[in-house]
Amino acid sequence: MTSQQLEERSQQLEARVIALEAEIVQIKQLLSHEKQTESPWWEKVVGSFVDRPDFDEMKRLERILNKSLKPCR
């Protein structure tokens, strides 16, 4: 490889590294902004099953299962 080819390849790599560094800065900014605005996970799920017939049925079946697993007296 000639010195000119090495120089061109070096410049190409440097340009790619600069582009990657800029993208990393953008990603970090997005992630930091998301962390600041994102509410805790539990606030997203609280109440999500309210008035859901399937959830009510699941609770009913869970009670039946729990009663069947308790030892007899």
Protein backbone atom coordinates (compact mmCIF):
# COMPACT_ATOMS: atom_id res chain seq x y z
CA MET A 1 0.00 0.00 0.00
CA THR A 2 1.36 3.40 -0.88
CA SER A 3 1.63 6.24 1.58
CA GLN A 4 -1.12 8.07 -0.29
CA GLN A 5 -3.45 5.06 0.06
CA LEU A 6 -2.62 4.83 3.76
CA GLU A 7 -3.36 8.51 4.17
CA GLU A 8 -6.71 8.18 2.36
CA ARG A 9 -7.68 5.15 4.44
CA SER A 10 -6.65 6.96 7.61
CA GLN A 11 -8.82 9.95 6.65
CA GLN A 12 -11.77 7.65 5.89
CA LEU A 13 -11.41 5.95 9.26
CA GLU A 14 -11.10 9.27 11.04
CA ALA A 15 -14.29 10.52 9.34
CA ARG A 16 -16.11 7.35 10.38
CA VAL A 17 -14.93 7.69 13.98
CA ILE A 18 -16.08 11.33 14.07
CA ALA A 19 -19.50 10.28 12.72
CA LEU A 20 -19.76 7.47 15.30
CA GLU A 21 -18.80 9.79 18.12
CA ALA A 22 -21.50 12.24 17.04
CA GLU A 23 -24.09 9.46 16.97
CA ILE A 24 -23.04 8.29 20.45
CA VAL A 25 -23.52 11.83 21.76
CA GLN A 26 -27.04 11.88 20.26
CA ILE A 27 -27.88 8.47 21.75
CA LYS A 28 -26.64 9.56 25.18
CA GLN A 29 -28.76 12.70 24.98
CA LEU A 30 -31.83 10.68 24.04
CA LEU A 31 -31.27 8.20 26.85
CA SER A 32 -30.66 10.90 29.42
CA HIS A 33 -33.80 12.76 28.33
CA GLU A 34 -35.82 9.53 28.44
CA LYS A 35 -34.65 8.78 31.98
CA GLN A 36 -35.72 12.24 33.12
CA THR A 37 -39.18 12.12 31.58
CA GLU A 38 -39.99 8.45 32.01
CA SER A 39 -42.23 7.62 34.91
CA PRO A 40 -41.55 4.52 37.01
CA TRP A 41 -42.73 1.23 35.49
CA TRP A 42 -45.23 0.62 38.25
CA GLU A 43 -47.08 3.84 37.46
CA LYS A 44 -47.68 2.53 33.95
CA VAL A 45 -49.26 -0.74 35.09
CA VAL A 46 -51.21 0.37 38.14
CA GLY A 47 -54.87 0.04 37.28
CA SER A 48 -54.26 -1.45 33.84
CA PHE A 49 -56.48 -4.44 34.68
CA VAL A 50 -59.38 -2.48 36.17
CA ASP A 51 -62.75 -3.61 34.85
CA ARG A 52 -61.24 -6.39 32.75
CA PRO A 53 -63.46 -9.52 32.76
CA ASP A 54 -60.49 -11.77 32.07
CA PHE A 55 -58.66 -10.42 35.12
CA ASP A 56 -61.73 -10.92 37.30
CA GLU A 57 -61.99 -14.50 36.07
CA MET A 58 -58.32 -15.09 36.79
CA LYS A 59 -58.78 -13.85 40.37
CA ARG A 60 -61.79 -16.14 40.81
CA LEU A 61 -59.85 -19.15 39.55
CA GLU A 62 -56.89 -18.23 41.75
CA ARG A 63 -59.12 -18.25 44.83
CA ILE A 64 -60.43 -21.69 43.89
CA LEU A 65 -56.90 -22.97 43.36
CA ASN A 66 -55.67 -21.52 46.67
CA LYS A 67 -58.54 -23.13 48.56
CA SER A 68 -57.79 -26.49 46.97
CA LEU A 69 -54.12 -26.26 47.97
CA LYS A 70 -54.80 -25.52 51.65
CA PRO A 71 -54.52 -28.55 53.90
CA CYS A 72 -57.79 -29.93 55.23
CA ARG A 73 -58.43 -29.48 58.97
